[in-house]
N, C-alpha and C. Protein backbone atom coordinates (compact mmCIF):
# COMPACT_ATOMS: atom_id res chain seq x y z
N MET A 1 0.84 -1.19 0.00
CA MET A 1 0.00 0.00 0.00
C MET A 1 0.88 1.25 0.00
N LYS A 2 0.58 2.19 -0.89
CA LYS A 2 1.37 3.40 -0.98
C LYS A 2 1.18 4.28 0.25
N LEU A 3 2.18 5.14 0.44
CA LEU A 3 2.17 5.99 1.63
C LEU A 3 0.95 6.91 1.66
N ARG A 4 0.56 7.43 0.50
CA ARG A 4 -0.59 8.32 0.44
C ARG A 4 -1.88 7.59 0.84
N GLU A 5 -2.00 6.33 0.42
CA GLU A 5 -3.17 5.54 0.78
C GLU A 5 -3.17 5.21 2.27
N GLN A 6 -1.99 4.90 2.81
CA GLN A 6 -1.89 4.65 4.25
C GLN A 6 -2.36 5.87 5.04
N HIS A 7 -1.91 7.05 4.64
CA HIS A 7 -2.28 8.28 5.33
C HIS A 7 -3.79 8.50 5.25
N LYS A 8 -4.37 8.20 4.11
CA LYS A 8 -5.81 8.38 3.93
C LYS A 8 -6.60 7.45 4.84
N TYR A 9 -6.24 6.18 4.86
CA TYR A 9 -6.99 5.22 5.66
C TYR A 9 -6.78 5.44 7.16
N LEU A 10 -5.60 5.89 7.54
CA LEU A 10 -5.37 6.23 8.95
C LEU A 10 -6.28 7.37 9.38
N GLY A 11 -6.46 8.35 8.48
CA GLY A 11 -7.35 9.46 8.78
C GLY A 11 -8.79 9.01 8.97
N ILE A 12 -9.22 8.03 8.16
CA ILE A 12 -10.57 7.51 8.30
C ILE A 12 -10.73 6.77 9.62
N VAL A 13 -9.72 5.96 9.99
CA VAL A 13 -9.78 5.20 11.24
C VAL A 13 -9.81 6.12 12.45
N LEU A 14 -9.04 7.21 12.38
CA LEU A 14 -8.92 8.13 13.52
C LEU A 14 -9.97 9.24 13.50
N LEU A 15 -10.92 9.18 12.57
CA LEU A 15 -11.91 10.25 12.47
C LEU A 15 -12.74 10.35 13.74
N LEU A 16 -13.25 9.22 14.26
CA LEU A 16 -14.07 9.26 15.46
C LEU A 16 -13.28 9.73 16.69
N PRO A 17 -12.06 9.17 16.95
CA PRO A 17 -11.28 9.72 18.08
C PRO A 17 -10.97 11.20 17.93
N PHE A 18 -10.71 11.67 16.69
CA PHE A 18 -10.43 13.09 16.49
C PHE A 18 -11.64 13.94 16.88
N ILE A 19 -12.83 13.51 16.47
CA ILE A 19 -14.03 14.25 16.83
C ILE A 19 -14.22 14.26 18.35
N ALA A 20 -14.00 13.09 18.99
CA ALA A 20 -14.15 13.00 20.44
C ALA A 20 -13.14 13.88 21.16
N TRP A 21 -11.88 13.84 20.73
CA TRP A 21 -10.84 14.66 21.37
C TRP A 21 -11.15 16.15 21.20
N SER A 22 -11.56 16.54 19.99
CA SER A 22 -11.80 17.96 19.73
C SER A 22 -12.98 18.49 20.53
N ALA A 23 -14.10 17.77 20.48
CA ALA A 23 -15.31 18.24 21.17
C ALA A 23 -15.11 18.29 22.68
N THR A 24 -14.53 17.24 23.24
CA THR A 24 -14.32 17.22 24.69
C THR A 24 -13.21 18.17 25.10
N GLY A 25 -12.23 18.39 24.22
CA GLY A 25 -11.18 19.36 24.53
C GLY A 25 -11.74 20.77 24.67
N VAL A 26 -12.68 21.13 23.79
CA VAL A 26 -13.34 22.43 23.90
C VAL A 26 -14.11 22.53 25.21
N PHE A 27 -14.76 21.42 25.60
CA PHE A 27 -15.52 21.43 26.85
C PHE A 27 -14.59 21.70 28.04
N PHE A 28 -13.43 21.05 28.07
CA PHE A 28 -12.53 21.23 29.21
C PHE A 28 -11.89 22.61 29.22
N LEU A 29 -11.86 23.28 28.08
CA LEU A 29 -11.39 24.67 28.08
C LEU A 29 -12.44 25.60 28.68
N VAL A 30 -13.71 25.35 28.35
CA VAL A 30 -14.79 26.20 28.87
C VAL A 30 -15.16 25.82 30.30
N ARG A 31 -15.25 24.50 30.56
CA ARG A 31 -15.54 23.95 31.88
C ARG A 31 -16.83 24.50 32.50
N PRO A 32 -17.98 24.31 31.84
CA PRO A 32 -19.24 24.79 32.42
C PRO A 32 -19.65 23.95 33.63
N ARG A 33 -20.09 24.59 34.69
CA ARG A 33 -20.58 23.95 35.92
C ARG A 33 -19.52 23.08 36.60
N TYR A 34 -18.26 23.29 36.27
CA TYR A 34 -17.20 22.45 36.82
C TYR A 34 -17.06 22.66 38.33
N GLU A 35 -17.09 23.90 38.76
CA GLU A 35 -16.91 24.20 40.18
C GLU A 35 -18.04 23.62 41.02
N GLU A 36 -19.26 23.77 40.55
CA GLU A 36 -20.40 23.24 41.30
C GLU A 36 -20.38 21.71 41.33
N ALA A 37 -19.99 21.11 40.22
CA ALA A 37 -20.01 19.65 40.15
C ALA A 37 -19.04 19.01 41.13
N TYR A 38 -17.91 19.67 41.39
CA TYR A 38 -16.89 19.08 42.24
C TYR A 38 -16.63 19.87 43.52
N GLU A 39 -17.56 20.73 43.88
CA GLU A 39 -17.37 21.50 45.10
C GLU A 39 -17.42 20.57 46.31
N PRO A 40 -16.61 20.82 47.31
CA PRO A 40 -16.67 19.98 48.52
C PRO A 40 -17.90 20.31 49.36
N LEU A 41 -18.49 19.27 49.91
CA LEU A 41 -19.59 19.44 50.86
C LEU A 41 -18.99 19.26 52.25
N ALA A 42 -18.70 20.37 52.90
CA ALA A 42 -17.98 20.33 54.17
C ALA A 42 -18.94 20.36 55.35
N VAL A 43 -18.55 19.67 56.40
CA VAL A 43 -19.30 19.74 57.65
C VAL A 43 -19.19 21.17 58.19
N ARG A 44 -20.30 21.74 58.56
CA ARG A 44 -20.31 23.12 59.06
C ARG A 44 -19.71 23.15 60.46
N GLU A 45 -18.69 23.99 60.61
CA GLU A 45 -17.98 24.08 61.89
C GLU A 45 -18.46 25.29 62.68
N TYR A 46 -18.43 25.14 64.00
CA TYR A 46 -18.84 26.18 64.93
C TYR A 46 -17.67 26.50 65.87
N PRO A 47 -17.69 27.67 66.47
CA PRO A 47 -16.60 28.02 67.40
C PRO A 47 -16.52 27.03 68.55
N LEU A 48 -15.28 26.69 68.92
CA LEU A 48 -15.06 25.78 70.04
C LEU A 48 -15.36 26.49 71.36
N GLU A 49 -15.97 25.77 72.25
CA GLU A 49 -16.33 26.35 73.54
C GLU A 49 -15.18 26.32 74.53
N GLN A 50 -14.29 25.35 74.39
CA GLN A 50 -13.15 25.25 75.31
C GLN A 50 -11.99 24.54 74.62
N PRO A 51 -10.76 24.85 75.02
CA PRO A 51 -9.61 24.16 74.44
C PRO A 51 -9.55 22.71 74.93
N LEU A 52 -8.72 21.93 74.27
CA LEU A 52 -8.59 20.52 74.61
C LEU A 52 -7.13 20.22 74.96
N ALA A 53 -6.93 19.67 76.15
CA ALA A 53 -5.58 19.26 76.57
C ALA A 53 -5.44 17.77 76.32
N LEU A 54 -4.44 17.40 75.50
CA LEU A 54 -4.25 16.01 75.13
C LEU A 54 -2.87 15.54 75.55
N PRO A 55 -2.74 14.27 75.93
CA PRO A 55 -1.42 13.74 76.23
C PRO A 55 -0.62 13.53 74.95
N ALA A 56 0.68 13.55 75.05
CA ALA A 56 1.54 13.32 73.88
C ALA A 56 1.48 11.84 73.50
N ARG A 57 1.19 11.57 72.25
CA ARG A 57 1.10 10.20 71.75
C ARG A 57 1.99 10.07 70.53
N ALA A 58 2.91 9.10 70.57
CA ALA A 58 3.85 8.94 69.47
C ALA A 58 3.17 8.44 68.20
N ASP A 59 2.05 7.74 68.34
CA ASP A 59 1.38 7.19 67.16
C ASP A 59 0.39 8.16 66.54
N TRP A 60 0.29 9.36 67.06
CA TRP A 60 -0.59 10.37 66.49
C TRP A 60 0.24 11.30 65.59
N LYS A 61 -0.06 11.28 64.30
CA LYS A 61 0.68 12.10 63.36
C LYS A 61 0.06 13.48 63.18
N GLU A 62 -1.25 13.56 63.36
CA GLU A 62 -1.97 14.82 63.21
C GLU A 62 -3.25 14.76 64.02
N VAL A 63 -3.64 15.91 64.56
CA VAL A 63 -4.84 15.98 65.40
C VAL A 63 -5.71 17.15 64.94
N ARG A 64 -7.01 16.89 64.82
CA ARG A 64 -7.97 17.94 64.50
C ARG A 64 -9.02 17.99 65.61
N TRP A 65 -9.28 19.19 66.10
CA TRP A 65 -10.24 19.39 67.17
C TRP A 65 -11.24 20.43 66.68
N LEU A 66 -12.49 20.03 66.48
CA LEU A 66 -13.48 20.93 65.93
C LEU A 66 -14.84 20.63 66.54
N ARG A 67 -15.78 21.51 66.21
CA ARG A 67 -17.14 21.37 66.75
C ARG A 67 -18.15 21.52 65.63
N SER A 68 -19.07 20.58 65.56
CA SER A 68 -20.15 20.62 64.57
C SER A 68 -21.47 20.79 65.30
N THR A 69 -22.55 20.64 64.56
CA THR A 69 -23.87 20.73 65.18
C THR A 69 -24.11 19.59 66.17
N LEU A 70 -23.30 18.53 66.09
CA LEU A 70 -23.42 17.41 67.03
C LEU A 70 -22.55 17.58 68.27
N GLY A 71 -21.71 18.62 68.27
CA GLY A 71 -20.83 18.83 69.41
C GLY A 71 -19.37 18.73 69.00
N PRO A 72 -18.45 18.55 69.96
CA PRO A 72 -17.02 18.49 69.65
C PRO A 72 -16.62 17.16 69.02
N HIS A 73 -15.55 17.21 68.21
CA HIS A 73 -15.02 16.02 67.54
C HIS A 73 -13.51 16.03 67.64
N LEU A 74 -12.95 14.88 67.95
CA LEU A 74 -11.50 14.71 68.00
C LEU A 74 -11.12 13.73 66.90
N LEU A 75 -10.40 14.22 65.89
CA LEU A 75 -9.95 13.40 64.77
C LEU A 75 -8.43 13.23 64.86
N VAL A 76 -7.99 12.00 64.76
CA VAL A 76 -6.57 11.69 64.93
C VAL A 76 -6.08 10.89 63.73
N LEU A 77 -4.93 11.27 63.20
CA LEU A 77 -4.32 10.54 62.08
C LEU A 77 -3.25 9.59 62.62
N ARG A 78 -3.45 8.31 62.36
CA ARG A 78 -2.49 7.28 62.74
C ARG A 78 -1.87 6.67 61.49
N ASP A 79 -1.00 5.69 61.69
CA ASP A 79 -0.39 5.01 60.55
C ASP A 79 -1.44 4.33 59.67
N THR A 80 -2.53 3.90 60.28
CA THR A 80 -3.59 3.20 59.55
C THR A 80 -4.62 4.15 58.96
N GLY A 81 -4.51 5.45 59.22
CA GLY A 81 -5.44 6.42 58.67
C GLY A 81 -6.13 7.21 59.78
N TRP A 82 -7.13 7.99 59.38
CA TRP A 82 -7.86 8.83 60.31
C TRP A 82 -8.84 8.00 61.13
N VAL A 83 -9.02 8.41 62.38
CA VAL A 83 -9.99 7.79 63.26
C VAL A 83 -10.56 8.86 64.16
N GLN A 84 -11.84 8.73 64.51
CA GLN A 84 -12.47 9.69 65.42
C GLN A 84 -12.53 9.08 66.82
N LEU A 85 -12.04 9.85 67.79
CA LEU A 85 -11.97 9.38 69.16
C LEU A 85 -12.92 10.17 70.06
N ASP A 86 -13.30 9.53 71.13
CA ASP A 86 -14.09 10.21 72.16
C ASP A 86 -13.14 11.12 72.95
N PRO A 87 -13.40 12.43 73.02
CA PRO A 87 -12.47 13.33 73.72
C PRO A 87 -12.28 12.99 75.19
N ALA A 88 -13.26 12.36 75.81
CA ALA A 88 -13.16 12.05 77.25
C ALA A 88 -12.35 10.79 77.51
N THR A 89 -12.58 9.74 76.71
CA THR A 89 -11.94 8.45 76.97
C THR A 89 -10.80 8.14 76.01
N LEU A 90 -10.70 8.90 74.90
CA LEU A 90 -9.72 8.66 73.83
C LEU A 90 -9.88 7.27 73.21
N GLN A 91 -11.08 6.72 73.32
CA GLN A 91 -11.41 5.48 72.64
C GLN A 91 -12.13 5.80 71.33
N GLU A 92 -12.10 4.85 70.41
CA GLU A 92 -12.72 5.08 69.11
C GLU A 92 -14.21 5.35 69.28
N ARG A 93 -14.65 6.38 68.62
CA ARG A 93 -16.04 6.81 68.77
C ARG A 93 -16.92 6.03 67.80
N PRO A 94 -18.04 5.47 68.25
CA PRO A 94 -18.89 4.66 67.37
C PRO A 94 -19.61 5.51 66.33
N TRP A 95 -20.07 4.82 65.30
CA TRP A 95 -20.82 5.48 64.23
C TRP A 95 -22.10 6.09 64.80
N PRO A 96 -22.44 7.31 64.37
CA PRO A 96 -23.63 7.97 64.93
C PRO A 96 -24.92 7.32 64.44
N ASP A 97 -26.00 7.58 65.15
CA ASP A 97 -27.29 7.07 64.71
C ASP A 97 -27.78 7.87 63.52
N ASN A 98 -28.81 7.37 62.86
CA ASN A 98 -29.31 8.00 61.64
C ASN A 98 -29.81 9.42 61.87
N ALA A 99 -30.44 9.66 63.00
CA ALA A 99 -30.95 11.00 63.28
C ALA A 99 -29.80 12.01 63.38
N SER A 100 -28.71 11.62 64.04
CA SER A 100 -27.57 12.52 64.18
C SER A 100 -26.89 12.77 62.84
N LEU A 101 -26.76 11.70 62.05
CA LEU A 101 -26.12 11.87 60.75
C LEU A 101 -26.97 12.73 59.82
N ARG A 102 -28.26 12.55 59.90
CA ARG A 102 -29.15 13.38 59.10
C ARG A 102 -29.04 14.85 59.51
N GLN A 103 -28.96 15.09 60.80
CA GLN A 103 -28.81 16.46 61.29
C GLN A 103 -27.52 17.08 60.78
N LEU A 104 -26.44 16.29 60.78
CA LEU A 104 -25.14 16.77 60.31
C LEU A 104 -25.19 17.09 58.82
N ALA A 105 -25.85 16.22 58.03
CA ALA A 105 -25.94 16.44 56.58
C ALA A 105 -26.78 17.65 56.24
N VAL A 106 -27.93 17.77 56.87
CA VAL A 106 -28.81 18.91 56.60
C VAL A 106 -28.11 20.22 56.94
N ASP A 107 -27.35 20.23 58.03
CA ASP A 107 -26.62 21.43 58.43
C ASP A 107 -25.56 21.79 57.38
N ALA A 108 -24.89 20.79 56.81
CA ALA A 108 -23.87 21.05 55.79
C ALA A 108 -24.50 21.53 54.49
N MET A 109 -25.68 21.01 54.16
CA MET A 109 -26.33 21.35 52.90
C MET A 109 -26.85 22.78 52.87
N THR A 110 -26.97 23.44 54.01
CA THR A 110 -27.45 24.82 54.04
C THR A 110 -26.49 25.78 53.36
N ALA A 111 -25.24 25.35 53.13
CA ALA A 111 -24.27 26.22 52.45
C ALA A 111 -24.63 26.42 50.98
N HIS A 112 -25.36 25.48 50.38
CA HIS A 112 -25.73 25.58 48.97
C HIS A 112 -27.10 24.92 48.78
N PRO A 113 -28.16 25.50 49.29
CA PRO A 113 -29.47 24.84 49.28
C PRO A 113 -30.04 24.64 47.88
N GLU A 114 -29.72 25.52 46.93
CA GLU A 114 -30.27 25.36 45.58
C GLU A 114 -29.69 24.14 44.88
N ARG A 115 -28.52 23.69 45.31
CA ARG A 115 -27.93 22.49 44.70
C ARG A 115 -28.43 21.22 45.37
N TYR A 116 -28.53 21.24 46.69
CA TYR A 116 -28.81 20.00 47.42
C TYR A 116 -30.29 19.79 47.71
N GLY A 117 -31.05 20.83 47.78
CA GLY A 117 -32.47 20.67 48.02
C GLY A 117 -32.76 19.98 49.35
N GLU A 118 -33.60 18.94 49.31
CA GLU A 118 -34.01 18.20 50.50
C GLU A 118 -33.53 16.75 50.42
N LEU A 119 -33.17 16.20 51.58
CA LEU A 119 -32.79 14.78 51.62
C LEU A 119 -33.99 13.92 51.28
N ARG A 120 -33.73 12.86 50.52
CA ARG A 120 -34.82 11.98 50.12
C ARG A 120 -34.57 10.57 50.68
N ASN A 121 -33.75 9.78 50.03
CA ASN A 121 -33.41 8.45 50.53
C ASN A 121 -32.21 8.52 51.45
N PHE A 122 -32.23 7.70 52.48
CA PHE A 122 -31.19 7.80 53.51
C PHE A 122 -31.02 6.42 54.16
N ASP A 123 -29.79 5.89 54.12
CA ASP A 123 -29.56 4.56 54.70
C ASP A 123 -28.50 4.56 55.80
N GLY A 124 -28.10 5.73 56.29
CA GLY A 124 -27.14 5.80 57.38
C GLY A 124 -25.72 6.05 56.95
N ARG A 125 -25.34 5.67 55.74
CA ARG A 125 -23.99 5.94 55.24
C ARG A 125 -24.00 6.72 53.93
N SER A 126 -25.04 6.59 53.18
CA SER A 126 -25.19 7.34 51.93
C SER A 126 -26.62 7.83 51.83
N MET A 127 -26.82 8.85 51.03
CA MET A 127 -28.14 9.47 50.91
C MET A 127 -28.21 10.17 49.57
N ASP A 128 -29.40 10.49 49.12
CA ASP A 128 -29.54 11.31 47.92
C ASP A 128 -30.62 12.35 48.16
N THR A 129 -30.62 13.35 47.30
CA THR A 129 -31.52 14.48 47.48
C THR A 129 -32.51 14.55 46.33
N ASP A 130 -33.51 15.43 46.48
CA ASP A 130 -34.51 15.56 45.43
C ASP A 130 -33.99 16.32 44.22
N THR A 131 -32.74 16.82 44.26
CA THR A 131 -32.11 17.46 43.10
C THR A 131 -31.18 16.50 42.36
N GLY A 132 -31.15 15.23 42.77
CA GLY A 132 -30.33 14.24 42.08
C GLY A 132 -28.90 14.15 42.55
N VAL A 133 -28.57 14.70 43.71
CA VAL A 133 -27.22 14.64 44.24
C VAL A 133 -27.10 13.44 45.18
N GLU A 134 -26.05 12.65 44.99
CA GLU A 134 -25.75 11.52 45.86
C GLU A 134 -24.66 11.93 46.85
N ILE A 135 -24.87 11.65 48.12
CA ILE A 135 -23.95 12.07 49.18
C ILE A 135 -23.52 10.84 49.98
N THR A 136 -22.23 10.74 50.23
CA THR A 136 -21.70 9.68 51.09
C THR A 136 -20.95 10.33 52.25
N PHE A 137 -20.80 9.58 53.33
CA PHE A 137 -20.26 10.15 54.56
C PHE A 137 -19.16 9.26 55.10
N ASP A 138 -18.11 9.90 55.62
CA ASP A 138 -17.00 9.20 56.29
C ASP A 138 -16.91 9.74 57.72
N TRP A 139 -17.25 8.90 58.67
CA TRP A 139 -17.26 9.31 60.08
C TRP A 139 -15.86 9.56 60.60
N ASN A 140 -14.89 8.77 60.17
CA ASN A 140 -13.54 8.90 60.70
C ASN A 140 -12.86 10.21 60.30
N THR A 141 -13.20 10.72 59.12
CA THR A 141 -12.65 12.02 58.70
C THR A 141 -13.67 13.14 58.85
N LEU A 142 -14.89 12.80 59.25
CA LEU A 142 -15.98 13.76 59.41
C LEU A 142 -16.13 14.59 58.13
N SER A 143 -16.34 13.89 57.03
CA SER A 143 -16.42 14.57 55.74
C SER A 143 -17.47 13.93 54.86
N PHE A 144 -18.03 14.74 53.97
CA PHE A 144 -18.99 14.29 52.98
C PHE A 144 -18.35 14.36 51.60
N THR A 145 -18.84 13.53 50.69
CA THR A 145 -18.54 13.66 49.27
C THR A 145 -19.86 13.70 48.53
N GLN A 146 -19.92 14.51 47.49
CA GLN A 146 -21.17 14.67 46.75
C GLN A 146 -20.94 14.46 45.27
N GLN A 147 -21.97 13.94 44.61
CA GLN A 147 -21.92 13.71 43.16
C GLN A 147 -23.30 13.94 42.59
N GLY A 148 -23.40 14.96 41.74
CA GLY A 148 -24.68 15.29 41.14
C GLY A 148 -24.78 14.81 39.70
N ARG A 149 -25.86 15.18 39.03
CA ARG A 149 -26.01 14.81 37.62
C ARG A 149 -24.91 15.45 36.79
N ASP A 150 -24.56 16.70 37.11
CA ASP A 150 -23.50 17.36 36.36
C ASP A 150 -22.16 16.67 36.58
N THR A 151 -21.91 16.17 37.78
CA THR A 151 -20.66 15.46 38.06
C THR A 151 -20.56 14.20 37.21
N ARG A 152 -21.65 13.44 37.17
CA ARG A 152 -21.64 12.20 36.38
C ARG A 152 -21.51 12.50 34.89
N TRP A 153 -22.12 13.60 34.44
CA TRP A 153 -22.02 14.00 33.04
C TRP A 153 -20.59 14.39 32.67
N ILE A 154 -19.93 15.15 33.52
CA ILE A 154 -18.55 15.55 33.27
C ILE A 154 -17.63 14.33 33.32
N ASP A 155 -17.89 13.40 34.22
CA ASP A 155 -17.08 12.18 34.28
C ASP A 155 -17.19 11.39 32.98
N ARG A 156 -18.38 11.34 32.39
CA ARG A 156 -18.54 10.64 31.11
C ARG A 156 -17.76 11.33 30.00
N ILE A 157 -17.78 12.67 30.00
CA ILE A 157 -17.01 13.42 29.01
C ILE A 157 -15.52 13.15 29.18
N TYR A 158 -15.08 13.08 30.43
CA TYR A 158 -13.68 12.74 30.71
C TYR A 158 -13.34 11.37 30.14
N ASN A 159 -14.23 10.40 30.32
CA ASN A 159 -13.98 9.05 29.80
C ASN A 159 -13.91 9.04 28.28
N ILE A 160 -14.78 9.84 27.63
CA ILE A 160 -14.74 9.93 26.17
C ILE A 160 -13.42 10.54 25.71
N HIS A 161 -12.97 11.58 26.37
CA HIS A 161 -11.75 12.27 25.97
C HIS A 161 -10.54 11.35 26.04
N TYR A 162 -10.49 10.49 27.05
CA TYR A 162 -9.34 9.60 27.22
C TYR A 162 -9.62 8.19 26.69
N LEU A 163 -10.61 8.08 25.81
CA LEU A 163 -10.93 6.82 25.12
C LEU A 163 -11.26 5.69 26.08
N GLU A 164 -11.83 6.03 27.22
CA GLU A 164 -12.28 5.00 28.15
C GLU A 164 -13.74 4.70 27.81
N TRP A 165 -13.92 3.99 26.71
CA TRP A 165 -15.25 3.82 26.13
C TRP A 165 -15.96 2.56 26.59
N THR A 166 -15.23 1.53 26.97
CA THR A 166 -15.86 0.26 27.29
C THR A 166 -16.10 0.08 28.78
N GLY A 167 -15.37 0.80 29.62
CA GLY A 167 -15.46 0.59 31.06
C GLY A 167 -14.58 -0.54 31.55
N ILE A 168 -13.93 -1.26 30.64
CA ILE A 168 -12.99 -2.33 30.99
C ILE A 168 -11.59 -1.75 30.92
N ARG A 169 -10.91 -1.69 32.03
CA ARG A 169 -9.64 -0.97 32.12
C ARG A 169 -8.61 -1.46 31.11
N ALA A 170 -8.45 -2.77 31.00
CA ALA A 170 -7.44 -3.33 30.09
C ALA A 170 -7.77 -3.00 28.64
N VAL A 171 -9.04 -3.12 28.26
CA VAL A 171 -9.44 -2.84 26.88
C VAL A 171 -9.28 -1.35 26.57
N ASP A 172 -9.69 -0.50 27.49
CA ASP A 172 -9.57 0.94 27.28
C ASP A 172 -8.11 1.37 27.16
N LYS A 173 -7.24 0.72 27.91
CA LYS A 173 -5.81 1.06 27.82
C LYS A 173 -5.27 0.69 26.44
N VAL A 174 -5.68 -0.47 25.92
CA VAL A 174 -5.24 -0.87 24.58
C VAL A 174 -5.76 0.11 23.53
N LEU A 175 -7.03 0.53 23.67
CA LEU A 175 -7.60 1.50 22.74
C LEU A 175 -6.84 2.81 22.76
N GLY A 176 -6.52 3.29 23.95
CA GLY A 176 -5.80 4.56 24.07
C GLY A 176 -4.41 4.50 23.48
N VAL A 177 -3.67 3.44 23.80
CA VAL A 177 -2.30 3.30 23.27
C VAL A 177 -2.33 3.13 21.76
N SER A 178 -3.29 2.35 21.26
CA SER A 178 -3.39 2.13 19.81
C SER A 178 -3.70 3.44 19.08
N ALA A 179 -4.63 4.23 19.63
CA ALA A 179 -4.98 5.50 18.99
C ALA A 179 -3.78 6.45 18.96
N LEU A 180 -3.02 6.50 20.04
CA LEU A 180 -1.84 7.36 20.07
C LEU A 180 -0.78 6.89 19.07
N PHE A 181 -0.60 5.58 18.97
CA PHE A 181 0.37 5.04 18.02
C PHE A 181 -0.04 5.37 16.59
N LEU A 182 -1.34 5.17 16.28
CA LEU A 182 -1.81 5.48 14.94
C LEU A 182 -1.70 6.97 14.64
N LEU A 183 -1.93 7.81 15.64
CA LEU A 183 -1.80 9.25 15.44
C LEU A 183 -0.35 9.63 15.12
N MET A 184 0.59 9.04 15.85
CA MET A 184 2.00 9.32 15.57
C MET A 184 2.40 8.83 14.19
N TYR A 185 1.90 7.64 13.81
CA TYR A 185 2.24 7.12 12.49
C TYR A 185 1.61 7.96 11.39
N MET A 186 0.39 8.46 11.63
CA MET A 186 -0.24 9.33 10.65
C MET A 186 0.56 10.62 10.48
N THR A 187 1.05 11.16 11.59
CA THR A 187 1.90 12.35 11.52
C THR A 187 3.17 12.07 10.72
N PHE A 188 3.75 10.89 10.93
CA PHE A 188 4.96 10.50 10.22
C PHE A 188 4.72 10.41 8.72
N THR A 189 3.59 9.76 8.33
CA THR A 189 3.30 9.65 6.90
C THR A 189 2.99 11.02 6.29
N GLY A 190 2.35 11.89 7.08
CA GLY A 190 2.07 13.24 6.58
C GLY A 190 3.35 14.02 6.32
N ILE A 191 4.34 13.88 7.21
CA ILE A 191 5.62 14.57 7.03
C ILE A 191 6.33 14.05 5.78
N LYS A 192 6.28 12.74 5.58
CA LYS A 192 6.93 12.17 4.39
C LYS A 192 6.25 12.65 3.12
N LEU A 193 4.93 12.79 3.16
CA LEU A 193 4.22 13.28 1.98
C LEU A 193 4.56 14.74 1.70
N ILE A 194 4.73 15.53 2.77
CA ILE A 194 5.07 16.94 2.59
C ILE A 194 6.40 17.09 1.87
N PHE A 195 7.34 16.26 2.25
CA PHE A 195 8.67 16.35 1.65
C PHE A 195 8.78 15.56 0.35
N GLY A 196 7.65 15.00 -0.12
CA GLY A 196 7.59 14.44 -1.47
C GLY A 196 8.20 13.10 -1.67
N ARG A 197 8.39 12.30 -0.62
CA ARG A 197 9.02 11.01 -0.81
C ARG A 197 8.08 9.99 -1.45
N ASP A 198 6.79 10.30 -1.44
CA ASP A 198 5.84 9.36 -2.02
C ASP A 198 5.23 9.89 -3.33
N ARG A 199 5.83 10.98 -3.86
CA ARG A 199 5.31 11.52 -5.11
C ARG A 199 5.74 10.66 -6.28
N PRO A 200 4.86 10.45 -7.23
CA PRO A 200 5.26 9.66 -8.40
C PRO A 200 6.31 10.41 -9.22
N ARG A 201 7.33 9.69 -9.63
CA ARG A 201 8.41 10.30 -10.40
C ARG A 201 8.00 10.47 -11.86
N THR A 202 8.28 11.62 -12.44
CA THR A 202 7.97 11.91 -13.84
C THR A 202 9.14 11.48 -14.71
N ARG A 203 8.84 10.61 -15.63
CA ARG A 203 9.91 10.14 -16.53
C ARG A 203 10.17 11.18 -17.62
N VAL A 204 11.41 11.56 -17.75
CA VAL A 204 11.81 12.54 -18.76
C VAL A 204 12.25 11.79 -20.01
N PRO A 205 11.63 12.08 -21.17
CA PRO A 205 12.04 11.36 -22.39
C PRO A 205 13.46 11.72 -22.79
N PRO A 206 14.15 10.77 -23.38
CA PRO A 206 15.54 11.04 -23.79
C PRO A 206 15.56 12.10 -24.89
N PRO A 207 16.62 12.89 -24.98
CA PRO A 207 16.73 13.93 -26.03
C PRO A 207 16.74 13.31 -27.42
N ALA A 208 16.14 14.01 -28.37
CA ALA A 208 16.09 13.50 -29.76
C ALA A 208 17.48 13.54 -30.37
N ALA A 209 17.76 12.56 -31.23
CA ALA A 209 19.08 12.50 -31.90
C ALA A 209 19.22 13.66 -32.88
N ALA A 210 20.44 14.10 -33.08
CA ALA A 210 20.70 15.24 -33.97
C ALA A 210 20.26 14.91 -35.38
N GLY A 211 19.60 15.79 -36.07
CA GLY A 211 19.14 15.62 -37.44
C GLY A 211 17.88 14.84 -37.58
N SER A 212 17.33 14.34 -36.50
CA SER A 212 16.09 13.58 -36.58
C SER A 212 14.91 14.51 -36.54
N ARG A 213 13.86 14.09 -37.18
CA ARG A 213 12.65 14.90 -37.20
C ARG A 213 11.81 14.63 -35.95
N PRO A 214 11.18 15.68 -35.44
CA PRO A 214 10.33 15.49 -34.28
C PRO A 214 9.10 14.69 -34.66
């Protein structure tokens, strides 16, 4: 197959990835609703009523002392990760009941009520709202994570941009590497065509002999 034909067929094969890269690339430049989609849903903090005196512990790498609508919280970072302790006993604090967790979530959602609306389904660890936002909770770090319709939409665009089309990690990786290889080869063939290495050579007829008629 000639170089010009290779370049042509490579362009046809890469037409769909080119459209996907271009369209999603424009989206990531504009980034509509990006801040709202990935904004943190933070537990609302209140002023502390009293300081906390703690003993020195070698296994504590970091300590956070804060107060929420449920009262004071002691968060400690260990080698195994964050854990919430009872300030009085320094023992691990149990998971709160559903009423307390709901109170904590509703208090946090007041920072952006037009996005979160009202809590709808609630199972003690995750919940969703009437605006389509899914919320999960981590007691040990005292933090929420949120994902709305816009978040899921942007994640799909991200997957399209990076050729993660099947949802199977190994297959998507092969697709991505193959597309990049074909793109580089297409660039290579284009450069060769520019410099004329694949141009058909024009045969020059030999000069006519002296005294011969044309």
